[in-house]
Amino acid sequence: MPVVYIEDLAQHFEQEVSIRGWLRHKRMGGKIAFLILRDGTGDMQAVMSKATVGEELFAQANKLTQESSVIVTGKVRADPRAPGGCELDVRDLRPVQLVAQEFPIQAKEHGTGFLMENRHLWLRSHRQHAILRVRHEIIRACRNFFDDRGFVLVDTPIFTPNACEGTTTLFETDYFGEKAYLTQSGQLYNEATAAAFGKVYCFGPTFRAEKSKTRRHLMEFWMIEPEVAYAELQDMMALAEEFLIVIVRSVLKLRREELKVLERDVSKLEAIAAPFPRITYQEAVERLQERGNPIQPGDDFGGDEETILSKEFDRPVIVHRYPKIIKAFYMQEDPENPALALCMDVLAPEGYGEIIGGGQRIHERDKLEARLKEHRLSEDAFKWYLDLRTFGSVPHAGFGMGIERAVAWICGLEHVRETIPFPRMLYKIYP
């Protein structure tokens, strides 16, 4: 008997197959039972007739409890009213495990705290299932985008000897008697691999020890980071624009059913098209002040500022050329105004804020040495990084996109905690 997945049932009309899954819920009548099963690829209805299967099997079905694991065998038949357009006429049923306790998550309101404590079980819900399938599609689209354009995937270390961004947000650990840190970004190492391969990207977990409880922050998140030799700021703006358009189109093409489960307004995603608006930091500050925000020139943007700006556009907006003083030590200065950095942030619309950050890197050794001193960073710790400016240095640029923030935007979620299977938040590491 062929074992098939629920998502493939429509390919087996009038055939007898087996499904291995779990009971979502059931409805029992005197002579007929309706079992709603899931197997990870979808839901289906299995119909059992007492006259067909006999008293013993029908009694077994009656004993099934929510989330009991079961293997059912029967004939696939078309039914446009059923989930997926087909259902199973059951001929045989074999319980694998009968759940003896009531499943903790029922069809009623549960608090967020309770659901997060039971995250390992909450993942089985339709909503969480839809979110993580969209996440999968976003990741696949990211990889395909760079692979199709000749980028080389080069993995970067998770243990690092020094900071990439700010030293105040590092998770410190012992590395055989030496201090080491969990990576904040693969970018510095990406610069080395870009000098070897030309176009590279890395994709992996990154860690920020920010004591923040906003809806946009996680302690552990996944980031995809391209880096390109002989590239400048404007090249990254164009690459980021094309990148986001491709990702959104891929989700719209392949995950519309999941977006429907999430009640996402897909018209807002369908509006994502080139060109993205491009405004300078100074123009952004002026816009914010016009709307009553107290920001002053030289201040960095927080969540409130990003929300205001990103609600003004129906597509992502690129904010570029921030003050150099509020950006990382490796950012190249603007030759037309050395007080500014050749950097950019891409803010997702609908108030979602920053999802991409990046820019052009300093490629001159003397400038980088001076910047390390300004930021009071050890030249010895960055010797290898300085070497990149000694042996064949060229202008180069890149960016990073946090997967979780992209998922939150595309799915229309209020908080990033639902965008990753097991979120790590401030003071929250269980399960």
Protein backbone atom coordinates (compact mmCIF):
# COMPACT_ATOMS: atom_id res chain seq x y z
CA MET A 1 0.00 0.00 0.00
CA PRO A 2 1.62 3.31 -1.03
CA VAL A 3 2.18 5.81 1.77
CA VAL A 4 1.49 9.35 0.52
CA TYR A 5 1.48 12.84 1.93
CA ILE A 6 -1.75 14.80 2.26
CA GLU A 7 -0.51 17.51 -0.11
CA ASP A 8 -0.21 14.84 -2.83
CA LEU A 9 -3.62 13.19 -2.34
CA ALA A 10 -5.11 14.79 -5.45
CA GLN A 11 -2.67 12.74 -7.54
CA HIS A 12 -4.23 9.50 -6.25
CA PHE A 13 -7.97 9.77 -6.92
CA GLU A 14 -9.73 6.38 -6.73
CA GLN A 15 -6.54 4.75 -5.43
CA GLU A 16 -6.05 3.11 -2.07
CA VAL A 17 -3.30 4.78 -0.02
CA SER A 18 -2.06 5.14 3.54
CA ILE A 19 -1.64 8.41 5.43
CA ARG A 20 0.59 8.72 8.50
CA GLY A 21 -0.31 11.65 10.71
CA TRP A 22 -2.03 13.04 13.78
CA LEU A 23 -5.66 13.64 14.72
CA ARG A 24 -6.54 17.32 14.80
CA HIS A 25 -10.15 16.69 15.81
CA LYS A 26 -13.05 14.31 15.12
CA ARG A 27 -16.83 14.19 14.90
CA MET A 28 -18.55 10.91 15.71
CA GLY A 29 -22.04 9.88 14.65
CA GLY A 30 -23.90 6.68 15.32
CA LYS A 31 -22.64 4.96 12.17
CA ILE A 32 -20.11 7.36 10.70
CA ALA A 33 -17.00 9.15 11.92
CA PHE A 34 -15.28 12.21 10.46
CA LEU A 35 -11.58 12.43 11.35
CA ILE A 36 -9.56 15.54 10.54
CA LEU A 37 -5.94 14.50 10.16
CA ARG A 38 -2.73 16.44 9.61
CA ASP A 39 0.64 15.14 8.51
CA GLY A 40 2.76 18.29 8.27
CA THR A 41 1.96 18.92 4.61
CA GLY A 42 -1.73 19.68 5.08
CA ASP A 43 -5.06 18.67 6.58
CA MET A 44 -7.58 16.16 5.26
CA GLN A 45 -10.86 14.59 6.23
CA ALA A 46 -11.03 10.83 6.64
CA VAL A 47 -14.52 9.33 6.69
CA MET A 48 -15.19 6.03 8.48
CA SER A 49 -18.36 4.06 8.05
CA LYS A 50 -19.15 1.44 10.70
CA ALA A 51 -20.71 -0.74 8.02
CA THR A 52 -17.46 -0.70 6.04
CA VAL A 53 -14.83 -1.07 8.76
CA GLY A 54 -16.76 -3.06 11.36
CA GLU A 55 -17.49 -2.53 15.05
CA GLU A 56 -13.92 -3.00 16.32
CA LEU A 57 -12.21 -0.43 14.07
CA PHE A 58 -15.07 2.01 14.56
CA ALA A 59 -14.64 1.70 18.32
CA GLN A 60 -10.92 2.38 17.93
CA ALA A 61 -11.72 5.59 16.08
CA ASN A 62 -14.02 6.60 18.91
CA LYS A 63 -11.11 6.27 21.36
CA LEU A 64 -8.84 8.59 19.38
CA THR A 65 -7.99 11.81 21.21
CA GLN A 66 -6.63 15.11 19.93
CA GLU A 67 -3.05 14.76 18.62
CA SER A 68 -3.10 10.97 18.79
CA SER A 69 -0.81 9.61 16.08
CA VAL A 70 -2.44 7.28 13.61
CA ILE A 71 -2.01 5.52 10.27
CA VAL A 72 -5.13 5.34 8.13
CA THR A 73 -5.68 3.49 4.87
CA GLY A 74 -8.44 4.04 2.39
CA LYS A 75 -9.53 5.16 -1.05
CA VAL A 76 -9.05 8.75 -2.15
CA ARG A 77 -12.11 10.43 -3.56
CA ALA A 78 -12.79 13.93 -4.85
CA ASP A 79 -14.86 16.25 -2.69
CA PRO A 80 -14.68 19.99 -3.42
CA ARG A 81 -16.06 20.76 0.05
CA ALA A 82 -13.19 18.99 1.82
CA PRO A 83 -9.78 20.54 2.64
CA GLY A 84 -7.57 20.13 -0.42
CA GLY A 85 -10.53 19.04 -2.56
CA CYS A 86 -10.41 15.38 -1.57
CA GLU A 87 -11.05 13.03 1.34
CA LEU A 88 -10.31 9.47 2.33
CA ASP A 89 -12.83 6.62 2.62
CA VAL A 90 -11.22 4.70 5.45
CA ARG A 91 -10.76 0.94 5.17
CA ASP A 92 -8.27 0.49 8.00
CA LEU A 93 -6.98 2.46 10.98
CA ARG A 94 -4.00 1.81 13.23
CA PRO A 95 -3.30 4.02 16.26
CA VAL A 96 0.43 4.59 16.88
CA GLN A 97 -0.06 6.42 20.19
CA LEU A 98 -3.28 7.32 21.97
CA VAL A 99 -2.80 10.61 23.83
CA ALA A 100 -4.03 10.10 27.37
CA GLN A 101 -4.05 13.76 28.46
CA GLU A 102 -5.99 16.73 27.17
CA PHE A 103 -3.91 18.65 24.64
CA PRO A 104 -2.86 21.91 26.36
CA ILE A 105 -3.80 24.18 23.44
CA GLN A 106 -7.52 24.17 22.81
CA ALA A 107 -9.82 26.13 20.49
CA LYS A 108 -10.10 29.10 22.87
CA GLU A 109 -8.17 32.24 23.77
CA HIS A 110 -4.78 31.58 25.30
CA GLY A 111 -2.40 34.24 26.58
CA THR A 112 0.85 34.87 24.73
CA GLY A 113 2.86 33.79 27.78
CA PHE A 114 1.08 30.44 27.90
CA LEU A 115 1.55 29.88 24.17
CA MET A 116 5.25 30.72 24.36
CA GLU A 117 5.71 28.28 27.25
CA ASN A 118 4.10 25.67 25.02
CA ARG A 119 5.86 26.76 21.84
CA HIS A 120 6.84 23.14 21.10
CA LEU A 121 3.12 22.32 20.78
CA TRP A 122 1.91 25.68 19.44
CA LEU A 123 3.91 25.00 16.27
CA ARG A 124 1.20 22.47 15.28
CA SER A 125 -1.44 25.18 14.85
CA HIS A 126 -2.60 26.34 11.43
CA ARG A 127 -1.27 29.86 12.01
CA GLN A 128 2.21 28.86 13.13
CA HIS A 129 2.38 26.26 10.39
CA ALA A 130 1.58 28.93 7.79
CA ILE A 131 4.16 31.38 9.18
CA LEU A 132 6.98 28.86 9.15
CA ARG A 133 6.13 27.70 5.64
CA VAL A 134 6.36 31.32 4.48
CA ARG A 135 9.68 31.58 6.35
CA HIS A 136 10.92 28.52 4.46
CA GLU A 137 9.92 30.08 1.15
CA ILE A 138 11.66 33.36 2.01
CA ILE A 139 14.87 31.49 2.83
CA ARG A 140 14.65 29.44 -0.34
CA ALA A 141 14.05 32.57 -2.41
CA CYS A 142 17.05 34.28 -0.78
CA ARG A 143 19.36 31.40 -1.60
CA ASN A 144 18.04 31.07 -5.14
CA PHE A 145 18.44 34.80 -5.74
CA PHE A 146 22.13 34.82 -4.90
CA ASP A 147 22.91 31.41 -6.37
CA ASP A 148 21.30 32.39 -9.67
CA ARG A 149 23.46 35.52 -9.82
CA GLY A 150 26.78 33.80 -9.36
CA PHE A 151 27.30 34.47 -5.65
CA VAL A 152 29.24 31.87 -3.65
CA LEU A 153 27.86 30.78 -0.28
CA VAL A 154 30.75 30.98 2.20
CA ASP A 155 29.98 30.18 5.85
CA THR A 156 31.42 32.53 8.46
CA PRO A 157 32.33 31.76 12.08
CA ILE A 158 29.90 31.83 14.98
CA PHE A 159 32.74 32.22 17.52
CA THR A 160 34.63 35.48 16.93
CA PRO A 161 37.52 37.16 18.78
CA ASN A 162 36.10 40.68 18.51
CA ALA A 163 33.04 42.79 17.83
CA CYS A 164 31.59 43.63 14.44
CA GLU A 165 29.05 46.22 15.58
CA GLY A 166 28.97 47.47 19.18
CA THR A 167 30.85 45.94 22.08
CA THR A 168 27.85 46.46 24.40
CA THR A 169 25.71 43.89 22.61
CA LEU A 170 28.05 40.90 22.62
CA PHE A 171 27.42 37.50 24.18
CA GLU A 172 30.74 36.59 25.76
CA THR A 173 31.93 33.00 26.19
CA ASP A 174 35.08 31.18 27.26
CA TYR A 175 37.12 29.72 24.41
CA PHE A 176 39.68 27.48 26.12
CA GLY A 177 40.84 30.24 28.43
CA GLU A 178 40.41 33.07 25.93
CA LYS A 179 37.50 35.45 25.57
CA ALA A 180 35.33 34.81 22.55
CA TYR A 181 31.99 36.17 21.43
CA LEU A 182 28.96 34.90 19.56
CA THR A 183 28.87 36.55 16.17
CA GLN A 184 26.86 39.70 15.56
CA SER A 185 27.36 39.46 11.81
CA GLY A 186 29.39 37.58 9.23
CA GLN A 187 30.25 40.78 7.43
CA LEU A 188 33.93 41.23 8.36
CA TYR A 189 34.72 37.68 7.26
CA ASN A 190 32.56 38.20 4.18
CA GLU A 191 34.88 41.02 3.17
CA ALA A 192 37.77 38.54 3.19
CA THR A 193 35.86 35.99 1.12
CA ALA A 194 34.65 38.66 -1.32
CA ALA A 195 38.31 39.49 -2.00
CA ALA A 196 38.79 35.80 -2.81
CA PHE A 197 35.59 35.06 -4.77
CA GLY A 198 34.26 38.44 -5.92
CA LYS A 199 30.60 37.90 -4.98
CA VAL A 200 29.71 36.02 -1.80
CA TYR A 201 26.98 35.63 0.77
CA CYS A 202 26.70 34.00 4.16
CA PHE A 203 23.57 32.81 5.93
CA GLY A 204 23.45 31.79 9.54
CA PRO A 205 22.51 32.63 13.11
CA THR A 206 23.64 35.89 14.65
CA PHE A 207 23.41 37.09 18.24
CA ARG A 208 22.79 40.50 19.83
CA ALA A 209 22.73 40.92 23.61
CA GLU A 210 20.45 43.95 23.43
CA LYS A 211 18.29 44.32 26.52
CA SER A 212 15.31 45.18 24.39
CA LYS A 213 11.75 43.91 24.58
CA THR A 214 10.38 45.54 21.43
CA ARG A 215 8.33 43.67 18.86
CA ARG A 216 11.31 43.76 16.47
CA HIS A 217 14.06 42.27 18.65
CA LEU A 218 15.35 38.76 19.26
CA MET A 219 18.57 37.73 20.96
CA GLU A 220 19.22 35.09 18.30
CA PHE A 221 18.18 35.59 14.71
CA TRP A 222 19.17 34.53 11.20
CA MET A 223 20.76 36.88 8.73
CA ILE A 224 21.66 36.65 5.07
CA GLU A 225 24.56 38.88 4.07
CA PRO A 226 25.92 39.47 0.55
CA GLU A 227 29.26 41.20 -0.04
CA VAL A 228 30.56 42.29 -3.43
CA ALA A 229 34.05 43.37 -4.53
CA TYR A 230 34.26 46.43 -6.78
CA ALA A 231 30.80 47.52 -5.56
CA GLU A 232 29.70 50.88 -4.14
CA LEU A 233 26.69 52.17 -2.23
CA GLN A 234 24.46 52.64 -5.27
CA ASP A 235 25.13 49.05 -6.32
CA MET A 236 23.86 47.81 -2.96
CA MET A 237 20.73 49.93 -3.23
CA ALA A 238 19.96 48.36 -6.59
CA LEU A 239 20.77 44.84 -5.35
CA ALA A 240 18.61 45.21 -2.22
CA GLU A 241 15.71 46.51 -4.31
CA GLU A 242 15.83 43.61 -6.75
CA PHE A 243 16.35 41.14 -3.88
CA LEU A 244 13.22 42.17 -1.97
CA ILE A 245 11.06 42.25 -5.09
CA VAL A 246 12.09 38.69 -5.97
CA ILE A 247 11.42 37.41 -2.43
CA VAL A 248 7.94 38.95 -2.26
CA ARG A 249 7.01 37.63 -5.70
CA SER A 250 8.18 34.14 -4.76
CA VAL A 251 5.99 34.11 -1.63
CA LEU A 252 3.00 35.43 -3.56
CA LYS A 253 3.47 32.76 -6.20
CA LEU A 254 4.00 29.75 -3.94
CA ARG A 255 2.51 30.57 -0.52
CA ARG A 256 -0.81 32.29 -1.17
CA GLU A 257 -2.72 29.66 0.81
CA GLU A 258 -0.54 30.34 3.84
CA LEU A 259 -1.04 34.10 3.45
CA LYS A 260 -4.78 33.43 3.34
CA VAL A 261 -4.58 31.53 6.64
CA LEU A 262 -2.78 34.55 8.12
CA GLU A 263 -5.43 36.90 6.65
CA ARG A 264 -2.65 38.90 5.03
CA ASP A 265 -3.73 41.71 2.74
CA VAL A 266 -1.85 40.52 -0.33
CA SER A 267 -2.68 43.69 -2.28
CA LYS A 268 -0.06 45.44 -0.15
CA LEU A 269 2.53 42.85 -1.17
CA GLU A 270 1.48 43.02 -4.81
CA ALA A 271 2.29 46.75 -4.73
CA ILE A 272 5.98 46.01 -4.05
CA ALA A 273 7.74 47.05 -7.26
CA ALA A 274 10.66 49.13 -8.48
CA PRO A 275 11.68 51.83 -8.03
CA PHE A 276 11.91 52.04 -4.25
CA PRO A 277 11.93 55.62 -2.92
CA ARG A 278 15.41 56.80 -1.91
CA ILE A 279 15.75 59.58 0.66
CA THR A 280 18.76 60.87 2.55
CA TYR A 281 19.03 60.75 6.31
CA GLN A 282 18.64 64.54 6.36
CA GLU A 283 15.43 64.35 4.32
CA ALA A 284 14.15 61.64 6.67
CA VAL A 285 14.84 63.81 9.73
CA GLU A 286 12.97 66.73 8.13
CA ARG A 287 9.99 64.48 7.38
CA LEU A 288 9.93 63.24 10.96
CA GLN A 289 10.13 66.74 12.42
CA GLU A 290 7.26 67.86 10.16
CA ARG A 291 5.18 65.09 11.73
CA GLY A 292 5.97 66.18 15.25
CA ASN A 293 8.73 63.69 16.05
CA PRO A 294 11.33 65.20 18.43
CA ILE A 295 14.35 63.74 16.55
CA GLN A 296 17.31 66.07 16.03
CA PRO A 297 19.99 65.94 13.31
CA GLY A 298 22.65 63.48 14.43
CA ASP A 299 20.22 61.22 16.33
CA ASP A 300 19.88 57.61 15.26
CA PHE A 301 16.47 56.24 14.33
CA GLY A 302 14.59 54.07 16.78
CA GLY A 303 11.49 51.99 16.29
CA ASP A 304 9.15 55.01 16.47
CA GLU A 305 11.01 56.91 13.76
CA GLU A 306 11.23 53.87 11.49
CA THR A 307 7.50 53.23 11.95
CA ILE A 308 6.55 56.78 10.99
CA LEU A 309 8.78 56.81 7.91
CA SER A 310 7.81 53.37 6.64
CA LYS A 311 4.09 54.11 6.91
CA GLU A 312 4.47 56.89 4.36
CA PHE A 313 5.25 54.59 1.45
CA ASP A 314 3.49 51.64 -0.21
CA ARG A 315 6.82 49.90 -0.79
CA PRO A 316 10.20 49.74 0.96
CA VAL A 317 12.05 53.03 1.30
CA ILE A 318 15.84 53.31 1.24
CA VAL A 319 17.31 55.83 3.68
CA HIS A 320 20.96 56.57 2.95
CA ARG A 321 23.93 58.65 4.10
CA TYR A 322 23.54 58.69 7.88
CA PRO A 323 25.97 60.66 10.05
CA LYS A 324 29.25 58.77 10.21
CA ILE A 325 29.41 59.15 13.99
CA ILE A 326 26.37 56.92 14.58
CA LYS A 327 27.49 54.16 12.22
CA ALA A 328 29.98 51.30 12.54
CA PHE A 329 33.72 51.93 12.32
CA TYR A 330 34.11 50.25 8.91
CA MET A 331 31.67 52.49 6.98
CA GLN A 332 33.18 54.50 4.13
CA GLU A 333 32.67 58.25 4.40
CA ASP A 334 30.90 60.23 1.70
CA PRO A 335 33.59 62.04 -0.38
CA GLU A 336 31.19 64.95 -0.87
CA ASN A 337 30.54 65.27 2.88
CA PRO A 338 33.01 63.42 5.14
CA ALA A 339 30.61 63.76 8.10
CA LEU A 340 28.30 61.27 6.39
CA ALA A 341 28.71 57.55 5.80
CA LEU A 342 28.02 55.75 2.53
CA CYS A 343 25.41 53.54 4.18
CA MET A 344 21.77 52.66 3.80
CA ASP A 345 18.84 51.14 5.66
CA VAL A 346 15.86 49.65 3.86
CA LEU A 347 12.63 50.18 5.78
CA ALA A 348 9.72 47.85 5.05
CA PRO A 349 6.33 49.54 4.56
CA GLU A 350 3.27 49.42 6.84
CA GLY A 351 5.35 50.48 9.82
CA TYR A 352 7.64 47.44 9.88
CA GLY A 353 10.84 49.46 9.78
CA GLU A 354 14.38 48.33 9.07
CA ILE A 355 14.85 44.93 7.47
CA ILE A 356 18.11 45.59 5.59
CA GLY A 357 21.19 47.52 6.66
CA GLY A 358 24.44 47.93 4.80
CA GLY A 359 26.68 50.12 2.72
CA GLN A 360 30.15 50.69 1.37
CA ARG A 361 33.20 49.67 3.44
CA ILE A 362 36.43 51.59 3.98
CA HIS A 363 38.96 50.13 1.58
CA GLU A 364 41.94 52.36 2.39
CA ARG A 365 44.25 51.05 5.12
CA ASP A 366 45.17 54.44 6.59
CA LYS A 367 41.52 55.47 6.92
CA LEU A 368 40.62 52.19 8.60
CA GLU A 369 43.51 52.48 11.04
CA ALA A 370 42.34 55.98 11.96
CA ARG A 371 38.77 54.79 12.44
CA LEU A 372 39.86 51.93 14.70
CA LYS A 373 41.65 54.47 16.91
CA GLU A 374 38.59 56.73 16.97
CA HIS A 375 36.46 53.82 18.16
CA ARG A 376 39.15 52.68 20.62
CA LEU A 377 39.40 49.27 19.03
CA SER A 378 42.54 47.15 19.19
CA GLU A 379 44.60 47.27 16.02
CA ASP A 380 46.14 43.92 16.94
CA ALA A 381 42.68 42.29 17.13
CA PHE A 382 41.89 43.58 13.65
CA LYS A 383 45.28 42.84 12.06
CA TRP A 384 43.76 40.32 9.67
CA TYR A 385 41.05 42.83 8.72
CA LEU A 386 43.68 45.47 8.00
CA ASP A 387 45.54 42.93 5.85
CA LEU A 388 42.59 43.03 3.46
CA ARG A 389 43.48 46.70 2.84
CA THR A 390 47.15 45.81 2.22
CA PHE A 391 46.89 43.03 -0.34
CA GLY A 392 44.79 44.07 -3.32
CA SER A 393 42.19 46.28 -1.66
CA VAL A 394 39.28 47.49 -3.79
CA PRO A 395 36.03 49.37 -3.13
CA HIS A 396 33.48 46.87 -1.83
CA ALA A 397 30.04 46.88 -0.28
CA GLY A 398 27.34 44.66 1.14
CA PHE A 399 24.28 44.42 3.35
CA GLY A 400 22.50 42.15 5.78
CA MET A 401 18.83 41.19 5.98
CA GLY A 402 17.32 39.73 9.13
CA ILE A 403 15.10 36.83 8.11
CA GLU A 404 12.74 37.24 11.05
CA ARG A 405 11.94 40.89 10.32
CA ALA A 406 11.33 40.02 6.66
CA VAL A 407 8.99 37.21 7.73
CA ALA A 408 7.11 39.53 10.11
CA TRP A 409 6.58 42.07 7.33
CA ILE A 410 5.58 39.64 4.58
CA CYS A 411 3.24 37.70 6.90
CA GLY A 412 1.82 40.86 8.48
CA LEU A 413 2.74 39.86 12.05
CA GLU A 414 2.73 42.11 15.10
CA HIS A 415 5.81 40.55 16.72
CA VAL A 416 8.92 38.68 15.57
CA ARG A 417 8.44 36.00 18.25
CA GLU A 418 6.24 34.03 15.83
CA THR A 419 8.72 34.18 12.94
CA ILE A 420 11.20 31.59 14.25
CA PRO A 421 10.45 28.12 15.62
CA PHE A 422 11.96 28.73 19.07
CA PRO A 423 12.49 32.46 19.74
CA ARG A 424 15.15 33.67 22.14
CA MET A 425 13.95 36.86 23.80
CA LEU A 426 15.04 38.94 26.77
CA TYR A 427 15.03 36.59 29.80
CA LYS A 428 13.19 33.96 27.75
CA ILE A 429 15.06 30.81 26.72
CA TYR A 430 12.47 28.04 27.37
CA PRO A 431 11.65 25.80 25.60
